[in-house]
Protein backbone atom coordinates (compact mmCIF):
# COMPACT_ATOMS: atom_id res chain seq x y z
CA UNK A 1 83.03 93.19 123.30
CA UNK A 2 85.53 91.65 120.87
CA UNK A 3 88.97 93.26 120.87
CA UNK A 4 89.34 95.14 117.58
CA UNK A 5 92.59 94.99 115.60
CA UNK A 6 93.50 98.46 114.33
CA UNK A 7 96.12 99.67 111.87
CA UNK A 8 96.59 103.43 112.28
CA UNK A 9 97.52 105.34 109.12
CA UNK A 10 98.71 108.82 110.10
CA UNK A 11 100.48 111.94 108.90
CA UNK A 12 101.99 112.41 112.36
CA UNK A 13 103.36 115.81 111.43
CA UNK A 14 101.70 119.21 111.48
CA UNK A 15 98.83 118.79 113.96
CA UNK A 16 98.78 117.38 117.47
CA UNK A 17 95.48 115.49 117.27
CA UNK A 18 97.44 112.65 115.64
CA UNK A 19 99.55 112.52 118.80
CA UNK A 20 96.43 112.62 120.95
CA UNK A 21 95.14 109.61 119.02
CA UNK A 22 98.11 107.55 120.23
CA UNK A 23 97.02 108.31 123.81
CA UNK A 24 93.42 107.30 123.05
CA UNK A 25 94.69 104.10 121.42
CA UNK A 26 96.81 103.29 124.47
CA UNK A 27 93.88 103.76 126.85
CA UNK A 28 91.61 101.51 124.79
CA UNK A 29 94.36 98.91 124.55
CA UNK A 30 94.77 98.87 128.33
CA UNK A 31 91.02 98.30 128.60
CA UNK A 32 91.30 95.33 126.25
CA UNK A 33 88.91 96.99 123.81
CA UNK A 34 91.14 97.54 120.77
CA UNK A 35 94.65 96.41 119.87
CA UNK A 36 96.86 98.86 117.99
CA UNK A 37 98.51 96.35 115.64
CA UNK A 38 100.69 98.80 113.72
CA UNK A 39 101.22 102.43 112.74
CA UNK A 40 101.86 103.46 109.14
CA UNK A 41 103.15 106.98 108.46
CA UNK A 42 101.54 108.26 105.27
CA UNK A 43 103.92 111.15 104.55
CA UNK A 44 107.63 110.44 103.95
CA UNK A 45 108.92 112.79 106.62
CA UNK A 46 111.27 110.72 108.84
CA UNK A 47 110.29 112.65 111.96
CA UNK A 48 106.77 111.20 111.77
CA UNK A 49 108.02 107.68 112.46
CA UNK A 50 110.60 108.90 114.97
CA UNK A 51 107.86 110.54 117.02
CA UNK A 52 105.57 107.50 116.88
CA UNK A 53 108.43 105.32 118.12
CA UNK A 54 109.14 107.75 120.98
CA UNK A 55 105.51 107.53 122.14
CA UNK A 56 105.34 103.75 121.67
CA UNK A 57 108.42 103.23 123.81
CA UNK A 58 107.05 105.57 126.47
CA UNK A 59 103.98 103.32 126.65
CA UNK A 60 106.12 100.18 126.72
CA UNK A 61 105.09 99.13 123.20
CA UNK A 62 108.62 98.28 122.08
CA UNK A 63 107.18 95.71 119.68
CA UNK A 64 104.79 98.07 117.86
CA UNK A 65 105.34 97.79 114.08
CA UNK A 66 105.91 101.24 112.55
CA UNK A 67 106.27 101.95 108.85
CA UNK A 68 107.40 105.08 107.03
CA UNK A 69 106.24 105.73 103.48
CA UNK A 70 109.06 105.74 100.94
CA UNK A 71 108.29 108.26 98.21
CA UNK A 72 111.36 109.45 96.29
CA UNK A 73 109.36 112.02 94.34
CA UNK A 74 108.01 113.66 97.53
CA UNK A 75 110.11 116.82 97.24
CA UNK A 76 109.66 117.34 93.49
CA UNK A 77 106.27 116.04 92.34
CA UNK A 78 103.68 118.86 91.95
CA UNK A 79 101.04 116.47 93.30
CA UNK A 80 102.51 116.95 96.79
CA UNK A 81 103.17 120.69 96.52
CA UNK A 82 100.13 121.51 98.65
CA UNK A 83 101.31 119.41 101.54
CA UNK A 84 104.87 120.68 101.27
CA UNK A 85 103.64 124.29 101.35
CA UNK A 86 101.38 123.55 104.31
CA UNK A 87 104.27 122.01 106.19
CA UNK A 88 106.49 125.02 105.55
CA UNK A 89 103.74 127.36 106.79
CA UNK A 90 103.38 125.21 109.90
CA UNK A 91 107.11 125.41 110.58
CA UNK A 92 107.00 129.19 110.14
CA UNK A 93 104.12 129.56 112.59
CA UNK A 94 105.28 127.12 115.26
CA UNK A 95 107.78 124.37 115.85
CA UNK A 96 106.90 120.86 114.68
CA UNK A 97 106.59 118.50 117.64
CA UNK A 98 107.62 115.47 115.63
CA UNK A 99 110.94 117.06 114.71
CA UNK A 100 111.62 118.08 118.31
CA UNK A 101 110.44 115.05 120.29
CA UNK A 102 111.13 112.60 117.48
CA UNK A 103 114.48 114.21 116.80
CA UNK A 104 115.53 113.66 120.40
CA UNK A 105 114.60 110.00 120.08
CA UNK A 106 116.53 109.78 116.81
CA UNK A 107 119.69 111.13 118.45
CA UNK A 108 119.66 108.12 120.78
CA UNK A 109 118.79 105.53 118.08
CA UNK A 110 120.67 106.45 114.94
CA UNK A 111 120.86 102.84 113.79
CA UNK A 112 117.07 102.43 113.70
CA UNK A 113 115.60 101.97 110.21
CA UNK A 114 111.84 101.90 109.60
CA UNK A 115 110.36 99.62 106.95
CA UNK A 116 108.43 101.05 104.02
CA UNK A 117 104.80 101.63 104.99
CA UNK A 118 103.38 99.71 102.01
CA UNK A 119 105.65 96.72 102.61
CA UNK A 120 104.68 96.71 106.29
CA UNK A 121 100.99 96.98 105.38
CA UNK A 122 101.32 93.87 103.24
CA UNK A 123 103.16 91.97 105.97
CA UNK A 124 100.67 92.87 108.70
CA UNK A 125 97.65 92.11 106.54
CA UNK A 126 99.06 88.83 105.27
CA UNK A 127 99.55 87.51 108.80
CA UNK A 128 96.12 88.68 110.02
CA UNK A 129 92.96 86.60 110.12
CA UNK A 130 90.51 87.19 107.31
CA UNK A 131 88.23 90.17 107.89
CA UNK A 132 89.90 91.03 111.20
CA UNK A 133 91.56 94.39 110.54
CA UNK A 134 90.11 97.88 110.72
CA UNK A 135 92.27 100.60 109.17
CA UNK A 136 91.93 104.07 110.67
CA UNK A 137 93.35 106.69 108.29
CA UNK A 138 93.76 110.06 109.97
CA UNK A 139 95.95 111.64 107.31
CA UNK A 140 96.36 111.54 103.57
CA UNK A 141 95.40 108.42 101.62
CA UNK A 142 98.76 108.23 99.85
CA UNK A 143 99.98 105.01 101.47
CA UNK A 144 96.62 103.31 101.06
CA UNK A 145 96.47 104.06 97.34
CA UNK A 146 99.90 102.48 96.95
CA UNK A 147 98.80 99.48 99.00
CA UNK A 148 95.88 98.93 96.61
CA UNK A 149 98.28 99.07 93.65
CA UNK A 150 100.91 96.79 95.20
CA UNK A 151 101.72 93.58 93.32
CA UNK A 152 101.97 90.06 94.74
CA UNK A 153 105.25 89.35 96.49
CA UNK A 154 106.98 86.90 98.78
CA UNK A 155 104.76 88.01 101.67
CA UNK A 156 101.48 87.28 99.91
CA UNK A 157 100.44 85.92 96.50
CA UNK A 158 97.58 88.43 96.51
CA UNK A 159 97.78 91.82 94.84
CA UNK A 160 96.98 94.78 97.06
CA UNK A 161 93.28 95.15 96.41
CA UNK A 162 92.66 91.43 96.84
CA UNK A 163 94.73 91.40 100.03
CA UNK A 164 92.67 94.28 101.43
CA UNK A 165 89.42 92.54 100.43
CA UNK A 166 90.49 89.40 102.27
CA UNK A 167 91.84 90.90 105.47
CA UNK A 168 90.19 94.29 106.10
CA UNK A 169 86.82 94.62 107.76
CA UNK A 170 86.49 98.38 107.26
CA UNK A 171 88.37 101.58 106.52
CA UNK A 172 87.67 104.64 108.63
CA UNK A 173 88.91 107.77 106.89
CA UNK A 174 89.03 111.06 108.76
CA UNK A 175 88.20 113.85 106.32
CA UNK A 176 85.58 116.56 106.11
CA UNK A 177 83.52 114.44 103.76
CA UNK A 178 80.26 115.89 104.98
CA UNK A 179 76.89 114.40 104.04
CA UNK A 180 75.27 115.05 101.57
CA UNK A 181 77.99 116.95 99.66
CA UNK A 182 81.02 119.19 100.08
CA UNK A 183 84.79 119.30 99.71
CA UNK A 184 87.40 118.21 102.23
CA UNK A 185 89.91 120.87 103.28
CA UNK A 186 92.98 118.77 104.06
CA UNK A 187 93.38 114.98 104.28
CA UNK A 188 91.78 114.12 100.94
CA UNK A 189 92.75 117.45 99.38
CA UNK A 190 96.48 116.99 100.00
CA UNK A 191 96.66 114.06 97.56
CA UNK A 192 93.65 114.19 95.26
CA UNK A 193 94.85 111.38 93.02
CA UNK A 194 95.37 108.99 95.93
CA UNK A 195 92.04 109.98 97.49
CA UNK A 196 90.21 109.37 94.22
CA UNK A 197 91.88 105.96 93.92
CA UNK A 198 91.00 104.82 97.44
CA UNK A 199 87.46 106.22 97.45
CA UNK A 200 86.79 104.59 94.08
CA UNK A 201 88.56 101.24 94.45
CA UNK A 202 88.48 100.30 98.15
CA UNK A 203 86.77 96.89 98.27
CA UNK A 204 85.32 96.88 101.81
CA UNK A 205 83.19 99.16 103.97
CA UNK A 206 84.36 102.80 104.11
CA UNK A 207 83.30 104.93 107.09
CA UNK A 208 83.85 108.68 106.69
CA UNK A 209 84.42 110.63 109.92
CA UNK A 210 84.28 114.43 109.50
CA UNK A 211 83.59 115.38 113.12
CA UNK A 212 85.91 117.07 115.61
CA UNK A 213 86.37 120.72 114.66
CA UNK A 214 84.12 121.83 117.52
CA UNK A 215 85.38 119.19 119.97
CA UNK A 216 88.35 120.89 121.60
CA UNK A 217 90.67 119.00 123.97
CA UNK A 218 94.02 119.57 125.60
CA UNK A 219 93.67 121.99 128.51
CA UNK A 220 92.52 119.42 131.08
CA UNK A 221 94.97 116.82 129.76
CA UNK A 222 97.89 119.25 130.02
CA UNK A 223 96.90 120.26 133.55
CA UNK A 224 97.68 116.75 134.81
CA UNK A 225 100.21 115.39 132.32
CA UNK A 226 103.90 115.26 133.29
CA UNK A 227 106.02 117.85 131.52
CA UNK A 228 108.11 115.20 129.78
CA UNK A 229 105.21 113.07 128.50
CA UNK A 230 105.65 112.87 124.70
CA UNK A 231 101.96 113.43 123.91
CA UNK A 232 101.75 116.35 126.31
CA UNK A 233 104.89 117.79 124.74
CA UNK A 234 103.26 117.55 121.32
CA UNK A 235 100.28 119.57 122.52
CA UNK A 236 102.40 122.16 124.32
CA UNK A 237 104.68 122.61 121.32
CA UNK A 238 101.83 122.80 118.83
CA UNK A 239 99.55 125.05 120.87
CA UNK A 240 102.26 127.36 122.20
CA UNK A 241 100.54 130.45 123.58
CA UNK A 242 97.94 130.60 120.79
CA UNK A 243 95.22 128.40 122.27
CA UNK A 244 94.38 126.08 125.15
CA UNK A 245 92.69 123.34 123.14
CA UNK A 246 92.87 121.72 119.73
CA UNK A 247 90.11 119.98 117.71
CA UNK A 248 89.91 116.22 118.08
CA UNK A 249 89.17 115.07 114.53
CA UNK A 250 91.59 112.16 114.72
CA UNK A 251 90.71 110.89 118.19
CA UNK A 252 87.02 110.67 117.23
CA UNK A 253 87.85 108.74 114.07
CA UNK A 254 89.84 106.28 116.17
CA UNK A 255 86.89 105.83 118.54
CA UNK A 256 84.72 104.89 115.55
CA UNK A 257 87.35 102.45 114.27
CA UNK A 258 87.95 100.87 117.67
CA UNK A 259 84.43 100.81 119.12
CA UNK A 260 82.29 100.44 116.01
CA UNK A 261 78.62 100.78 116.85
CA UNK A 262 79.55 101.24 120.53
CA UNK A 263 81.22 104.55 119.66
CA UNK A 264 79.20 107.71 120.43
CA UNK A 265 78.12 107.94 116.77
CA UNK A 266 75.13 106.72 114.83
CA UNK A 267 76.12 104.96 111.62
CA UNK A 268 74.21 105.34 108.36
CA UNK A 269 75.35 102.57 105.99
CA UNK A 270 74.35 101.74 102.44
CA UNK A 271 75.57 104.76 100.50
CA UNK A 272 77.45 105.36 97.29
CA UNK A 273 80.06 108.10 97.15
CA UNK A 274 81.22 110.20 94.22
CA UNK A 275 84.57 112.00 94.43
CA UNK A 276 85.85 114.39 91.76
CA UNK A 277 89.62 114.15 91.52
CA UNK A 278 89.90 117.43 89.63
CA UNK A 279 88.04 119.57 92.18
CA UNK A 280 88.07 117.49 95.38
CA UNK A 281 84.30 117.85 95.65
CA UNK A 282 82.18 114.94 96.76
CA UNK A 283 78.56 113.85 96.79
CA UNK A 284 76.82 111.11 98.77
CA UNK A 285 74.10 109.01 97.16
CA UNK A 286 71.72 106.91 99.27
CA UNK A 287 70.16 103.65 98.25
CA UNK A 288 72.94 101.09 98.30
CA UNK A 289 76.70 101.06 98.52
CA UNK A 290 79.62 100.40 100.84
CA UNK A 291 79.98 103.91 102.32
CA UNK A 292 78.86 104.89 105.82
CA UNK A 293 78.31 108.41 107.12
CA UNK A 294 78.10 109.05 110.84
CA UNK A 295 76.59 111.57 113.21
CA UNK A 296 77.33 112.01 116.92
CA UNK A 297 74.92 110.83 119.56
CA UNK A 298 76.50 113.11 122.19
CA UNK A 299 77.09 116.84 122.48
CA UNK A 300 80.44 118.39 121.61
CA UNK A 301 81.32 118.96 125.30
CA UNK A 302 80.51 115.32 126.10
CA UNK A 303 82.59 114.07 123.18
CA UNK A 304 85.46 116.25 124.39
CA UNK A 305 85.12 114.85 127.89
CA UNK A 306 85.24 111.27 126.62
CA UNK A 307 88.30 111.89 124.46
CA UNK A 308 90.19 113.76 127.15
CA UNK A 309 89.30 111.16 129.78
CA UNK A 310 90.94 108.52 127.60
CA UNK A 311 94.02 110.67 127.00
CA UNK A 312 94.39 111.17 130.74
CA UNK A 313 93.77 107.48 131.40
CA UNK A 314 96.82 106.68 129.27
CA UNK A 315 99.21 108.85 131.31
């Protein structure tokens, strides 16, 4: 199996399955299956990047490129009001692991500055071989929409869409974009304009991964993980006393990105995809197109076992 090159696009913020994905990525990297070539934080909350850096350093990935989206209008633009309100509700219901674990890292590294996510995207894509990169987006599509719109610069003479077309093999987007129709409840919904842009204009294969709600993980991982492990801390902080497991939407999307057709999912390529920016509703159309919908080839308990085995393997 060829070692995949993955760029992870994440809103490492209000749910711990993003953190669990870093553990899955580490296990697959140790196996020589997939190389995590960079992490791009798609919401401009500094704690997202702080937490990713804390985990990367725990795993010895001191060289891992990490970008943080720069979005000056984040706190004022009505387009992001839904995410801001969600984040405030999350903080009211439980502590945010990225602020706690990432904040501790930040206290020890106050001179660390993260590059803008779009600029880092352009740098990493420009230096990659043609058609070699798979992007796994497990959060909003905000950074990706801005990548598509980015102009040529000193890094590359190609504008964003052309750069993506040259370097990216496929985009895996985690959202509840169920076949044959429906409406996502979070990742696409939190930035409808960006989602419409990416789903309309992305020039390469797009794989939509909606699975994971019924694939709960965490209890077995936490039973063996050291108390100070940053991924285990994310799960303990997020779960609190409310539950023993959390859905694994993001880990499953990463398996699809990293393993391709060797992932425990059957791929159905050759579809068109219609997304309504005003309502967030979508409809699949068969008979030609660049979109791929997937369905699992294993039961939910078996998928959970595979994900949790990888998380434990990375301890």
